[in-house]
Amino acid sequence: MILRLRTFWRDALALLFAVGDRRTPGRARLAALLALAYALSPVDLLPDVIPLAGWGDDLLIVPTILALAARGLPAPVLADARARSAGLQRRLPWLLPLLGLLAVVGVGLLLWGLGRALAA
């Protein structure tokens, strides 16, 4: 399960990098953007509150769309994007604690500002 999630994460990041590459054709760029939008969108074909079926569409549709989008990319673009994705994943263990700290500081500042606004 973890290996599949890691592969999905790698491919999603590779598509994100490929969208920004100027060598990517317009049709492939649109397909990649649609795949990423569906993967990140809270709106699904089947809502997640429906037992099993709600998660089933995410487990079937999202990887299929990502695979179709990756198929439309030129091989050199996909290879470069996957290399950049792998490089980011190697640095990710160092980035996650930093992102967590930034999130905690951000929430703290938001609560502090909200408390000051309500006190005034």
PDB file of N, CA and C in Angstrom:
ATOM      1  N   MET A   1       0.827  -1.191   0.000  1.00  0.00           N
ATOM      2  CA  MET A   1       0.000   0.000   0.000  1.00  0.00           C
ATOM      3  C   MET A   1       0.877   1.262   0.000  1.00  0.00           C
ATOM      4  N   ILE A   2       1.899   1.283   0.855  1.00  0.00           N
ATOM      5  CA  ILE A   2       2.784   2.440   0.932  1.00  0.00           C
ATOM      6  C   ILE A   2       3.530   2.622  -0.386  1.00  0.00           C
ATOM      7  N   LEU A   3       3.931   1.512  -1.012  1.00  0.00           N
ATOM      8  CA  LEU A   3       4.650   1.592  -2.280  1.00  0.00           C
ATOM      9  C   LEU A   3       3.764   2.187  -3.369  1.00  0.00           C
ATOM     10  N   ARG A   4       2.493   1.805  -3.384  1.00  0.00           N
ATOM     11  CA  ARG A   4       1.565   2.382  -4.370  1.00  0.00           C
ATOM     12  C   ARG A   4       1.365   3.864  -4.126  1.00  0.00           C
ATOM     13  N   LEU A   5       1.241   4.246  -2.873  1.00  0.00           N
ATOM     14  CA  LEU A   5       1.074   5.657  -2.543  1.00  0.00           C
ATOM     15  C   LEU A   5       2.314   6.444  -2.953  1.00  0.00           C
ATOM     16  N   ARG A   6       3.475   5.878  -2.734  1.00  0.00           N
ATOM     17  CA  ARG A   6       4.720   6.526  -3.122  1.00  0.00           C
ATOM     18  C   ARG A   6       4.810   6.687  -4.644  1.00  0.00           C
ATOM     19  N   THR A   7       4.389   5.654  -5.378  1.00  0.00           N
ATOM     20  CA  THR A   7       4.386   5.715  -6.843  1.00  0.00           C
ATOM     21  C   THR A   7       3.394   6.761  -7.335  1.00  0.00           C
ATOM     22  N   PHE A   8       2.222   6.790  -6.734  1.00  0.00           N
ATOM     23  CA  PHE A   8       1.209   7.784  -7.092  1.00  0.00           C
ATOM     24  C   PHE A   8       1.734   9.189  -6.833  1.00  0.00           C
ATOM     25  N   TRP A   9       2.362   9.395  -5.682  1.00  0.00           N
ATOM     26  CA  TRP A   9       2.924  10.691  -5.317  1.00  0.00           C
ATOM     27  C   TRP A   9       4.001  11.103  -6.314  1.00  0.00           C
ATOM     28  N   ARG A  10       4.866  10.157  -6.686  1.00  0.00           N
ATOM     29  CA  ARG A  10       5.929  10.441  -7.655  1.00  0.00           C
ATOM     30  C   ARG A  10       5.345  10.854  -9.002  1.00  0.00           C
ATOM     31  N   ASP A  11       4.349  10.123  -9.467  1.00  0.00           N
ATOM     32  CA  ASP A  11       3.747  10.437 -10.759  1.00  0.00           C
ATOM     33  C   ASP A  11       2.984  11.747 -10.734  1.00  0.00           C
ATOM     34  N   ALA A  12       2.292  12.030  -9.629  1.00  0.00           N
ATOM     35  CA  ALA A  12       1.562  13.297  -9.527  1.00  0.00           C
ATOM     36  C   ALA A  12       2.542  14.469  -9.527  1.00  0.00           C
ATOM     37  N   LEU A  13       3.640  14.340  -8.808  1.00  0.00           N
ATOM     38  CA  LEU A  13       4.655  15.397  -8.812  1.00  0.00           C
ATOM     39  C   LEU A  13       5.302  15.539 -10.184  1.00  0.00           C
ATOM     40  N   ALA A  14       5.543  14.413 -10.837  1.00  0.00           N
ATOM     41  CA  ALA A  14       6.133  14.457 -12.175  1.00  0.00           C
ATOM     42  C   ALA A  14       5.199  15.175 -13.140  1.00  0.00           C
ATOM     43  N   LEU A  15       3.901  14.927 -13.047  1.00  0.00           N
ATOM     44  CA  LEU A  15       2.953  15.632 -13.909  1.00  0.00           C
ATOM     45  C   LEU A  15       2.951  17.125 -13.611  1.00  0.00           C
ATOM     46  N   LEU A  16       3.053  17.464 -12.356  1.00  0.00           N
ATOM     47  CA  LEU A  16       3.093  18.879 -11.990  1.00  0.00           C
ATOM     48  C   LEU A  16       4.329  19.548 -12.588  1.00  0.00           C
ATOM     49  N   PHE A  17       5.461  18.879 -12.525  1.00  0.00           N
ATOM     50  CA  PHE A  17       6.676  19.427 -13.132  1.00  0.00           C
ATOM     51  C   PHE A  17       6.566  19.474 -14.649  1.00  0.00           C
ATOM     52  N   ALA A  18       5.929  18.467 -15.251  1.00  0.00           N
ATOM     53  CA  ALA A  18       5.798  18.415 -16.705  1.00  0.00           C
ATOM     54  C   ALA A  18       4.895  19.522 -17.233  1.00  0.00           C
ATOM     55  N   VAL A  19       3.887  19.909 -16.446  1.00  0.00           N
ATOM     56  CA  VAL A  19       2.986  20.989 -16.872  1.00  0.00           C
ATOM     57  C   VAL A  19       3.768  22.285 -17.044  1.00  0.00           C
ATOM     58  N   GLY A  20       4.741  22.515 -16.205  1.00  0.00           N
ATOM     59  CA  GLY A  20       5.531  23.738 -16.281  1.00  0.00           C
ATOM     60  C   GLY A  20       6.631  23.719 -17.328  1.00  0.00           C
ATOM     61  N   ASP A  21       6.860  22.573 -17.940  1.00  0.00           N
ATOM     62  CA  ASP A  21       7.916  22.451 -18.945  1.00  0.00           C
ATOM     63  C   ASP A  21       7.418  22.993 -20.285  1.00  0.00           C
ATOM     64  N   ARG A  22       8.209  23.847 -20.915  1.00  0.00           N
ATOM     65  CA  ARG A  22       7.776  24.470 -22.178  1.00  0.00           C
ATOM     66  C   ARG A  22       7.754  23.483 -23.336  1.00  0.00           C
ATOM     67  N   ARG A  23       8.390  22.318 -23.175  1.00  0.00           N
ATOM     68  CA  ARG A  23       8.387  21.303 -24.234  1.00  0.00           C
ATOM     69  C   ARG A  23       7.105  20.469 -24.243  1.00  0.00           C
ATOM     70  N   THR A  24       6.258  20.642 -23.217  1.00  0.00           N
ATOM     71  CA  THR A  24       5.035  19.862 -23.116  1.00  0.00           C
ATOM     72  C   THR A  24       3.996  20.392 -24.098  1.00  0.00           C
ATOM     73  N   PRO A  25       3.427  19.519 -24.948  1.00  0.00           N
ATOM     74  CA  PRO A  25       2.387  19.962 -25.883  1.00  0.00           C
ATOM     75  C   PRO A  25       1.123  20.416 -25.146  1.00  0.00           C
ATOM     76  N   GLY A  26       0.342  21.246 -25.800  1.00  0.00           N
ATOM     77  CA  GLY A  26      -0.858  21.809 -25.179  1.00  0.00           C
ATOM     78  C   GLY A  26      -1.864  20.758 -24.736  1.00  0.00           C
ATOM     79  N   ARG A  27      -2.110  19.736 -25.582  1.00  0.00           N
ATOM     80  CA  ARG A  27      -3.070  18.688 -25.220  1.00  0.00           C
ATOM     81  C   ARG A  27      -2.606  17.911 -23.995  1.00  0.00           C
ATOM     82  N   ALA A  28      -1.335  17.584 -23.945  1.00  0.00           N
ATOM     83  CA  ALA A  28      -0.804  16.849 -22.798  1.00  0.00           C
ATOM     84  C   ALA A  28      -0.837  17.717 -21.546  1.00  0.00           C
ATOM     85  N   ARG A  29      -0.577  19.004 -21.704  1.00  0.00           N
ATOM     86  CA  ARG A  29      -0.634  19.925 -20.568  1.00  0.00           C
ATOM     87  C   ARG A  29      -2.060  20.001 -20.016  1.00  0.00           C
ATOM     88  N   LEU A  30      -3.051  20.091 -20.908  1.00  0.00           N
ATOM     89  CA  LEU A  30      -4.445  20.150 -20.477  1.00  0.00           C
ATOM     90  C   LEU A  30      -4.849  18.857 -19.782  1.00  0.00           C
ATOM     91  N   ALA A  31      -4.458  17.704 -20.331  1.00  0.00           N
ATOM     92  CA  ALA A  31      -4.790  16.422 -19.705  1.00  0.00           C
ATOM     93  C   ALA A  31      -4.143  16.312 -18.323  1.00  0.00           C
ATOM     94  N   ALA A  32      -2.898  16.755 -18.204  1.00  0.00           N
ATOM     95  CA  ALA A  32      -2.212  16.699 -16.911  1.00  0.00           C
ATOM     96  C   ALA A  32      -2.881  17.622 -15.905  1.00  0.00           C
ATOM     97  N   LEU A  33      -3.274  18.819 -16.343  1.00  0.00           N
ATOM     98  CA  LEU A  33      -3.960  19.742 -15.438  1.00  0.00           C
ATOM     99  C   LEU A  33      -5.307  19.191 -14.995  1.00  0.00           C
ATOM    100  N   LEU A  34      -6.032  18.553 -15.901  1.00  0.00           N
ATOM    101  CA  LEU A  34      -7.313  17.949 -15.531  1.00  0.00           C
ATOM    102  C   LEU A  34      -7.111  16.798 -14.543  1.00  0.00           C
ATOM    103  N   ALA A  35      -6.079  15.986 -14.767  1.00  0.00           N
ATOM    104  CA  ALA A  35      -5.795  14.881 -13.855  1.00  0.00           C
ATOM    105  C   ALA A  35      -5.435  15.401 -12.470  1.00  0.00           C
ATOM    106  N   LEU A  36      -4.597  16.415 -12.410  1.00  0.00           N
ATOM    107  CA  LEU A  36      -4.217  16.975 -11.118  1.00  0.00           C
ATOM    108  C   LEU A  36      -5.392  17.671 -10.439  1.00  0.00           C
ATOM    109  N   ALA A  37      -6.231  18.355 -11.230  1.00  0.00           N
ATOM    110  CA  ALA A  37      -7.394  19.029 -10.655  1.00  0.00           C
ATOM    111  C   ALA A  37      -8.358  18.010 -10.056  1.00  0.00           C
ATOM    112  N   TYR A  38      -8.599  16.905 -10.751  1.00  0.00           N
ATOM    113  CA  TYR A  38      -9.501  15.882 -10.205  1.00  0.00           C
ATOM    114  C   TYR A  38      -8.891  15.237  -8.966  1.00  0.00           C
ATOM    115  N   ALA A  39      -7.582  14.999  -8.990  1.00  0.00           N
ATOM    116  CA  ALA A  39      -6.927  14.365  -7.841  1.00  0.00           C
ATOM    117  C   ALA A  39      -6.995  15.257  -6.606  1.00  0.00           C
ATOM    118  N   LEU A  40      -6.888  16.564  -6.788  1.00  0.00           N
ATOM    119  CA  LEU A  40      -6.869  17.479  -5.655  1.00  0.00           C
ATOM    120  C   LEU A  40      -8.243  18.038  -5.297  1.00  0.00           C
ATOM    121  N   SER A  41      -9.210  17.850  -6.173  1.00  0.00           N
ATOM    122  CA  SER A  41     -10.539  18.413  -5.969  1.00  0.00           C
ATOM    123  C   SER A  41     -11.307  17.670  -4.872  1.00  0.00           C
ATOM    124  N   PRO A  42     -12.014  18.406  -4.034  1.00  0.00           N
ATOM    125  CA  PRO A  42     -12.861  17.738  -3.041  1.00  0.00           C
ATOM    126  C   PRO A  42     -14.145  17.178  -3.663  1.00  0.00           C
ATOM    127  N   VAL A  43     -14.441  17.557  -4.902  1.00  0.00           N
ATOM    128  CA  VAL A  43     -15.639  17.080  -5.587  1.00  0.00           C
ATOM    129  C   VAL A  43     -15.294  15.798  -6.339  1.00  0.00           C
ATOM    130  N   ASP A  44     -16.052  14.731  -6.097  1.00  0.00           N
ATOM    131  CA  ASP A  44     -15.821  13.436  -6.731  1.00  0.00           C
ATOM    132  C   ASP A  44     -17.064  13.019  -7.499  1.00  0.00           C
ATOM    133  N   LEU A  45     -16.894  12.035  -8.377  1.00  0.00           N
ATOM    134  CA  LEU A  45     -18.063  11.456  -9.040  1.00  0.00           C
ATOM    135  C   LEU A  45     -18.960  10.757  -8.020  1.00  0.00           C
ATOM    136  N   LEU A  46     -18.336  10.031  -7.119  1.00  0.00           N
ATOM    137  CA  LEU A  46     -19.054   9.392  -6.020  1.00  0.00           C
ATOM    138  C   LEU A  46     -18.531   9.987  -4.715  1.00  0.00           C
ATOM    139  N   PRO A  47     -19.398  10.604  -3.906  1.00  0.00           N
ATOM    140  CA  PRO A  47     -18.924  11.219  -2.653  1.00  0.00           C
ATOM    141  C   PRO A  47     -18.265  10.183  -1.743  1.00  0.00           C
ATOM    142  N   ASP A  48     -17.280  10.640  -0.989  1.00  0.00           N
ATOM    143  CA  ASP A  48     -16.530   9.745  -0.107  1.00  0.00           C
ATOM    144  C   ASP A  48     -17.361   9.229   1.062  1.00  0.00           C
ATOM    145  N   VAL A  49     -18.519   9.822   1.312  1.00  0.00           N
ATOM    146  CA  VAL A  49     -19.357   9.359   2.430  1.00  0.00           C
ATOM    147  C   VAL A  49     -20.067   8.047   2.098  1.00  0.00           C
ATOM    148  N   ILE A  50     -20.125   7.683   0.810  1.00  0.00           N
ATOM    149  CA  ILE A  50     -20.714   6.395   0.425  1.00  0.00           C
ATOM    150  C   ILE A  50     -19.672   5.323   0.710  1.00  0.00           C
ATOM    151  N   PRO A  51     -19.997   4.368   1.588  1.00  0.00           N
ATOM    152  CA  PRO A  51     -18.999   3.356   1.961  1.00  0.00           C
ATOM    153  C   PRO A  51     -18.443   2.610   0.752  1.00  0.00           C
ATOM    154  N   LEU A  52     -17.165   2.447   0.710  1.00  0.00           N
ATOM    155  CA  LEU A  52     -16.379   1.742  -0.294  1.00  0.00           C
ATOM    156  C   LEU A  52     -16.479   2.353  -1.688  1.00  0.00           C
ATOM    157  N   ALA A  53     -17.651   2.664  -2.164  1.00  0.00           N
ATOM    158  CA  ALA A  53     -17.791   3.218  -3.517  1.00  0.00           C
ATOM    159  C   ALA A  53     -17.177   4.608  -3.595  1.00  0.00           C
ATOM    160  N   GLY A  54     -17.293   5.389  -2.550  1.00  0.00           N
ATOM    161  CA  GLY A  54     -16.737   6.731  -2.540  1.00  0.00           C
ATOM    162  C   GLY A  54     -15.228   6.739  -2.648  1.00  0.00           C
ATOM    163  N   TRP A  55     -14.590   5.768  -2.011  1.00  0.00           N
ATOM    164  CA  TRP A  55     -13.137   5.681  -2.099  1.00  0.00           C
ATOM    165  C   TRP A  55     -12.719   4.926  -3.345  1.00  0.00           C
ATOM    166  N   GLY A  56     -13.594   4.075  -3.842  1.00  0.00           N
ATOM    167  CA  GLY A  56     -13.286   3.280  -5.026  1.00  0.00           C
ATOM    168  C   GLY A  56     -13.039   4.127  -6.254  1.00  0.00           C
ATOM    169  N   ASP A  57     -13.824   5.208  -6.405  1.00  0.00           N
ATOM    170  CA  ASP A  57     -13.597   6.056  -7.579  1.00  0.00           C
ATOM    171  C   ASP A  57     -12.250   6.747  -7.490  1.00  0.00           C
ATOM    172  N   ASP A  58     -11.841   7.118  -6.280  1.00  0.00           N
ATOM    173  CA  ASP A  58     -10.522   7.734  -6.128  1.00  0.00           C
ATOM    174  C   ASP A  58      -9.409   6.737  -6.441  1.00  0.00           C
ATOM    175  N   LEU A  59      -9.593   5.496  -6.032  1.00  0.00           N
ATOM    176  CA  LEU A  59      -8.562   4.482  -6.243  1.00  0.00           C
ATOM    177  C   LEU A  59      -8.492   4.008  -7.689  1.00  0.00           C
ATOM    178  N   LEU A  60      -9.566   4.180  -8.443  1.00  0.00           N
ATOM    179  CA  LEU A  60      -9.574   3.739  -9.838  1.00  0.00           C
ATOM    180  C   LEU A  60      -9.427   4.890 -10.827  1.00  0.00           C
ATOM    181  N   ILE A  61     -10.184   5.943 -10.622  1.00  0.00           N
ATOM    182  CA  ILE A  61     -10.231   7.025 -11.609  1.00  0.00           C
ATOM    183  C   ILE A  61      -8.956   7.869 -11.589  1.00  0.00           C
ATOM    184  N   VAL A  62      -8.507   8.252 -10.421  1.00  0.00           N
ATOM    185  CA  VAL A  62      -7.347   9.144 -10.345  1.00  0.00           C
ATOM    186  C   VAL A  62      -6.094   8.510 -10.950  1.00  0.00           C
ATOM    187  N   PRO A  63      -5.721   7.279 -10.588  1.00  0.00           N
ATOM    188  CA  PRO A  63      -4.543   6.696 -11.245  1.00  0.00           C
ATOM    189  C   PRO A  63      -4.721   6.517 -12.751  1.00  0.00           C
ATOM    190  N   THR A  64      -5.951   6.221 -13.189  1.00  0.00           N
ATOM    191  CA  THR A  64      -6.193   6.070 -14.621  1.00  0.00           C
ATOM    192  C   THR A  64      -5.994   7.388 -15.355  1.00  0.00           C
ATOM    193  N   ILE A  65      -6.540   8.467 -14.800  1.00  0.00           N
ATOM    194  CA  ILE A  65      -6.375   9.783 -15.425  1.00  0.00           C
ATOM    195  C   ILE A  65      -4.906  10.190 -15.433  1.00  0.00           C
ATOM    196  N   LEU A  66      -4.215   9.932 -14.326  1.00  0.00           N
ATOM    197  CA  LEU A  66      -2.788  10.268 -14.263  1.00  0.00           C
ATOM    198  C   LEU A  66      -1.991   9.471 -15.301  1.00  0.00           C
ATOM    199  N   ALA A  67      -2.313   8.196 -15.471  1.00  0.00           N
ATOM    200  CA  ALA A  67      -1.604   7.373 -16.451  1.00  0.00           C
ATOM    201  C   ALA A  67      -1.873   7.852 -17.872  1.00  0.00           C
ATOM    202  N   LEU A  68      -3.126   8.211 -18.169  1.00  0.00           N
ATOM    203  CA  LEU A  68      -3.450   8.715 -19.500  1.00  0.00           C
ATOM    204  C   LEU A  68      -2.766  10.056 -19.769  1.00  0.00           C
ATOM    205  N   ALA A  69      -2.706  10.895 -18.752  1.00  0.00           N
ATOM    206  CA  ALA A  69      -2.033  12.187 -18.920  1.00  0.00           C
ATOM    207  C   ALA A  69      -0.535  11.983 -19.140  1.00  0.00           C
ATOM    208  N   ALA A  70       0.073  11.057 -18.398  1.00  0.00           N
ATOM    209  CA  ALA A  70       1.505  10.795 -18.551  1.00  0.00           C
ATOM    210  C   ALA A  70       1.806  10.181 -19.909  1.00  0.00           C
ATOM    211  N   ARG A  71       0.864   9.413 -20.454  1.00  0.00           N
ATOM    212  CA  ARG A  71       1.066   8.791 -21.761  1.00  0.00           C
ATOM    213  C   ARG A  71       1.165   9.831 -22.872  1.00  0.00           C
ATOM    214  N   GLY A  72       0.509  10.987 -22.686  1.00  0.00           N
ATOM    215  CA  GLY A  72       0.538  12.032 -23.699  1.00  0.00           C
ATOM    216  C   GLY A  72       1.774  12.910 -23.659  1.00  0.00           C
ATOM    217  N   LEU A  73       2.626  12.697 -22.681  1.00  0.00           N
ATOM    218  CA  LEU A  73       3.833  13.514 -22.555  1.00  0.00           C
ATOM    219  C   LEU A  73       4.962  12.923 -23.394  1.00  0.00           C
ATOM    220  N   PRO A  74       5.787  13.778 -23.989  1.00  0.00           N
ATOM    221  CA  PRO A  74       6.975  13.270 -24.686  1.00  0.00           C
ATOM    222  C   PRO A  74       7.918  12.583 -23.688  1.00  0.00           C
ATOM    223  N   ALA A  75       8.584  11.546 -24.133  1.00  0.00           N
ATOM    224  CA  ALA A  75       9.459  10.762 -23.253  1.00  0.00           C
ATOM    225  C   ALA A  75      10.535  11.595 -22.550  1.00  0.00           C
ATOM    226  N   PRO A  76      11.234  12.534 -23.245  1.00  0.00           N
ATOM    227  CA  PRO A  76      12.246  13.319 -22.524  1.00  0.00           C
ATOM    228  C   PRO A  76      11.644  14.213 -21.432  1.00  0.00           C
ATOM    229  N   VAL A  77      10.468  14.748 -21.691  1.00  0.00           N
ATOM    230  CA  VAL A  77       9.810  15.598 -20.689  1.00  0.00           C
ATOM    231  C   VAL A  77       9.431  14.764 -19.474  1.00  0.00           C
ATOM    232  N   LEU A  78       8.860  13.586 -19.712  1.00  0.00           N
ATOM    233  CA  LEU A  78       8.462  12.720 -18.608  1.00  0.00           C
ATOM    234  C   LEU A  78       9.678  12.251 -17.813  1.00  0.00           C
ATOM    235  N   ALA A  79      10.773  11.924 -18.497  1.00  0.00           N
ATOM    236  CA  ALA A  79      11.985  11.488 -17.796  1.00  0.00           C
ATOM    237  C   ALA A  79      12.552  12.615 -16.928  1.00  0.00           C
ATOM    238  N   ASP A  80      12.597  13.833 -17.463  1.00  0.00           N
ATOM    239  CA  ASP A  80      13.089  14.964 -16.681  1.00  0.00           C
ATOM    240  C   ASP A  80      12.181  15.252 -15.485  1.00  0.00           C
ATOM    241  N   ALA A  81      10.865  15.178 -15.716  1.00  0.00           N
ATOM    242  CA  ALA A  81       9.915  15.451 -14.638  1.00  0.00           C
ATOM    243  C   ALA A  81      10.016  14.394 -13.543  1.00  0.00           C
ATOM    244  N   ARG A  82      10.188  13.132 -13.926  1.00  0.00           N
ATOM    245  CA  ARG A  82      10.337  12.074 -12.914  1.00  0.00           C
ATOM    246  C   ARG A  82      11.645  12.233 -12.136  1.00  0.00           C
ATOM    247  N   ALA A  83      12.693  12.679 -12.802  1.00  0.00           N
ATOM    248  CA  ALA A  83      13.965  12.914 -12.100  1.00  0.00           C
ATOM    249  C   ALA A  83      13.814  14.049 -11.089  1.00  0.00           C
ATOM    250  N   ARG A  84      13.134  15.117 -11.490  1.00  0.00           N
ATOM    251  CA  ARG A  84      12.902  16.230 -10.552  1.00  0.00           C
ATOM    252  C   ARG A  84      12.031  15.779  -9.389  1.00  0.00           C
ATOM    253  N   SER A  85      11.031  14.940  -9.680  1.00  0.00           N
ATOM    254  CA  SER A  85      10.153  14.421  -8.634  1.00  0.00           C
ATOM    255  C   SER A  85      10.935  13.556  -7.653  1.00  0.00           C
ATOM    256  N   ALA A  86      11.812  12.704  -8.162  1.00  0.00           N
ATOM    257  CA  ALA A  86      12.627  11.850  -7.292  1.00  0.00           C
ATOM    258  C   ALA A  86      13.568  12.694  -6.429  1.00  0.00           C
ATOM    259  N   GLY A  87      14.114  13.755  -7.014  1.00  0.00           N
ATOM    260  CA  GLY A  87      14.981  14.648  -6.242  1.00  0.00           C
ATOM    261  C   GLY A  87      14.237  15.324  -5.108  1.00  0.00           C
ATOM    262  N   LEU A  88      13.005  15.730  -5.373  1.00  0.00           N
ATOM    263  CA  LEU A  88      12.199  16.357  -4.321  1.00  0.00           C
ATOM    264  C   LEU A  88      11.838  15.352  -3.244  1.00  0.00           C
ATOM    265  N   GLN A  89      11.544  14.119  -3.643  1.00  0.00           N
ATOM    266  CA  GLN A  89      11.197  13.102  -2.655  1.00  0.00           C
ATOM    267  C   GLN A  89      12.379  12.757  -1.755  1.00  0.00           C
ATOM    268  N   ARG A  90      13.604  12.851  -2.278  1.00  0.00           N
ATOM    269  CA  ARG A  90      14.775  12.610  -1.425  1.00  0.00           C
ATOM    270  C   ARG A  90      14.930  13.719  -0.386  1.00  0.00           C
ATOM    271  N   ARG A  91      14.525  14.937  -0.751  1.00  0.00           N
ATOM    272  CA  ARG A  91      14.618  16.052   0.197  1.00  0.00           C
ATOM    273  C   ARG A  91      13.391  16.164   1.082  1.00  0.00           C
ATOM    274  N   LEU A  92      12.316  15.448   0.741  1.00  0.00           N
ATOM    275  CA  LEU A  92      11.042  15.580   1.443  1.00  0.00           C
ATOM    276  C   LEU A  92      11.132  15.303   2.941  1.00  0.00           C
ATOM    277  N   PRO A  93      11.880  14.303   3.410  1.00  0.00           N
ATOM    278  CA  PRO A  93      11.943  14.110   4.861  1.00  0.00           C
ATOM    279  C   PRO A  93      12.437  15.349   5.606  1.00  0.00           C
ATOM    280  N   TRP A  94      13.238  16.183   4.965  1.00  0.00           N
ATOM    281  CA  TRP A  94      13.701  17.406   5.611  1.00  0.00           C
ATOM    282  C   TRP A  94      12.678  18.529   5.461  1.00  0.00           C
ATOM    283  N   LEU A  95      11.876  18.467   4.413  1.00  0.00           N
ATOM    284  CA  LEU A  95      10.897  19.521   4.189  1.00  0.00           C
ATOM    285  C   LEU A  95       9.653  19.372   5.052  1.00  0.00           C
ATOM    286  N   LEU A  96       9.255  18.130   5.348  1.00  0.00           N
ATOM    287  CA  LEU A  96       8.031  17.926   6.110  1.00  0.00           C
ATOM    288  C   LEU A  96       8.063  18.566   7.502  1.00  0.00           C
ATOM    289  N   PRO A  97       9.133  18.399   8.287  1.00  0.00           N
ATOM    290  CA  PRO A  97       9.154  19.079   9.583  1.00  0.00           C
ATOM    291  C   PRO A  97       9.113  20.606   9.429  1.00  0.00           C
ATOM    292  N   LEU A  98       9.761  21.136   8.411  1.00  0.00           N
ATOM    293  CA  LEU A  98       9.740  22.568   8.180  1.00  0.00           C
ATOM    294  C   LEU A  98       8.335  23.037   7.835  1.00  0.00           C
ATOM    295  N   LEU A  99       7.655  22.304   6.970  1.00  0.00           N
ATOM    296  CA  LEU A  99       6.283  22.656   6.622  1.00  0.00           C
ATOM    297  C   LEU A  99       5.360  22.554   7.830  1.00  0.00           C
ATOM    298  N   GLY A 100       5.566  21.543   8.659  1.00  0.00           N
ATOM    299  CA  GLY A 100       4.775  21.406   9.885  1.00  0.00           C
ATOM    300  C   GLY A 100       5.000  22.573  10.825  1.00  0.00           C
ATOM    301  N   LEU A 101       6.252  22.990  10.980  1.00  0.00           N
ATOM    302  CA  LEU A 101       6.562  24.123  11.841  1.00  0.00           C
ATOM    303  C   LEU A 101       5.932  25.409  11.301  1.00  0.00           C
ATOM    304  N   LEU A 102       6.017  25.595   9.976  1.00  0.00           N
ATOM    305  CA  LEU A 102       5.394  26.767   9.373  1.00  0.00           C
ATOM    306  C   LEU A 102       3.883  26.760   9.547  1.00  0.00           C
ATOM    307  N   ALA A 103       3.265  25.588   9.470  1.00  0.00           N
ATOM    308  CA  ALA A 103       1.821  25.488   9.680  1.00  0.00           C
ATOM    309  C   ALA A 103       1.457  25.840  11.114  1.00  0.00           C
ATOM    310  N   VAL A 104       2.224  25.353  12.081  1.00  0.00           N
ATOM    311  CA  VAL A 104       1.954  25.649  13.491  1.00  0.00           C
ATOM    312  C   VAL A 104       2.123  27.147  13.760  1.00  0.00           C
ATOM    313  N   VAL A 105       3.186  27.733  13.233  1.00  0.00           N
ATOM    314  CA  VAL A 105       3.410  29.174  13.413  1.00  0.00           C
ATOM    315  C   VAL A 105       2.288  29.967  12.742  1.00  0.00           C
ATOM    316  N   GLY A 106       1.876  29.547  11.554  1.00  0.00           N
ATOM    317  CA  GLY A 106       0.800  30.237  10.851  1.00  0.00           C
ATOM    318  C   GLY A 106      -0.508  30.184  11.611  1.00  0.00           C
ATOM    319  N   VAL A 107      -0.856  29.027  12.135  1.00  0.00           N
ATOM    320  CA  VAL A 107      -2.088  28.901  12.916  1.00  0.00           C
ATOM    321  C   VAL A 107      -1.983  29.721  14.199  1.00  0.00           C
ATOM    322  N   GLY A 108      -0.814  29.698  14.817  1.00  0.00           N
ATOM    323  CA  GLY A 108      -0.616  30.503  16.028  1.00  0.00           C
ATOM    324  C   GLY A 108      -0.789  31.985  15.758  1.00  0.00           C
ATOM    325  N   LEU A 109      -0.199  32.469  14.666  1.00  0.00           N
ATOM    326  CA  LEU A 109      -0.359  33.879  14.316  1.00  0.00           C
ATOM    327  C   LEU A 109      -1.801  34.214  13.971  1.00  0.00           C
ATOM    328  N   LEU A 110      -2.482  33.312  13.306  1.00  0.00           N
ATOM    329  CA  LEU A 110      -3.886  33.526  12.979  1.00  0.00           C
ATOM    330  C   LEU A 110      -4.742  33.605  14.237  1.00  0.00           C
ATOM    331  N   LEU A 111      -4.513  32.702  15.172  1.00  0.00           N
ATOM    332  CA  LEU A 111      -5.261  32.731  16.428  1.00  0.00           C
ATOM    333  C   LEU A 111      -4.919  33.976  17.241  1.00  0.00           C
ATOM    334  N   TRP A 112      -3.660  34.367  17.253  1.00  0.00           N
ATOM    335  CA  TRP A 112      -3.250  35.567  17.974  1.00  0.00           C
ATOM    336  C   TRP A 112      -3.942  36.794  17.379  1.00  0.00           C
ATOM    337  N   GLY A 113      -3.938  36.910  16.052  1.00  0.00           N
ATOM    338  CA  GLY A 113      -4.592  38.043  15.399  1.00  0.00           C
ATOM    339  C   GLY A 113      -6.093  38.041  15.625  1.00  0.00           C
ATOM    340  N   LEU A 114      -6.700  36.863  15.589  1.00  0.00           N
ATOM    341  CA  LEU A 114      -8.131  36.772  15.839  1.00  0.00           C
ATOM    342  C   LEU A 114      -8.458  37.162  17.278  1.00  0.00           C
ATOM    343  N   GLY A 115      -7.622  36.732  18.217  1.00  0.00           N
ATOM    344  CA  GLY A 115      -7.825  37.104  19.630  1.00  0.00           C
ATOM    345  C   GLY A 115      -7.697  38.603  19.838  1.00  0.00           C
ATOM    346  N   ARG A 116      -6.737  39.236  19.184  1.00  0.00           N
ATOM    347  CA  ARG A 116      -6.571  40.685  19.304  1.00  0.00           C
ATOM    348  C   ARG A 116      -7.733  41.430  18.666  1.00  0.00           C
ATOM    349  N   ALA A 117      -8.212  40.909  17.542  1.00  0.00           N
ATOM    350  CA  ALA A 117      -9.331  41.561  16.859  1.00  0.00           C
ATOM    351  C   ALA A 117     -10.603  41.460  17.692  1.00  0.00           C
ATOM    352  N   LEU A 118     -10.828  40.326  18.343  1.00  0.00           N
ATOM    353  CA  LEU A 118     -12.024  40.162  19.156  1.00  0.00           C
ATOM    354  C   LEU A 118     -11.927  40.958  20.457  1.00  0.00           C
ATOM    355  N   ALA A 119     -10.725  41.139  20.975  1.00  0.00           N
ATOM    356  CA  ALA A 119     -10.531  41.892  22.220  1.00  0.00           C
ATOM    357  C   ALA A 119     -10.710  43.394  21.998  1.00  0.00           C
ATOM    358  N   ALA A 120     -10.494  43.872  20.787  1.00  0.00           N
ATOM    359  CA  ALA A 120     -10.590  45.306  20.514  1.00  0.00           C
ATOM    360  C   ALA A 120     -12.003  45.779  20.337  1.00  0.00           C
TER     361      ALA A 120
END
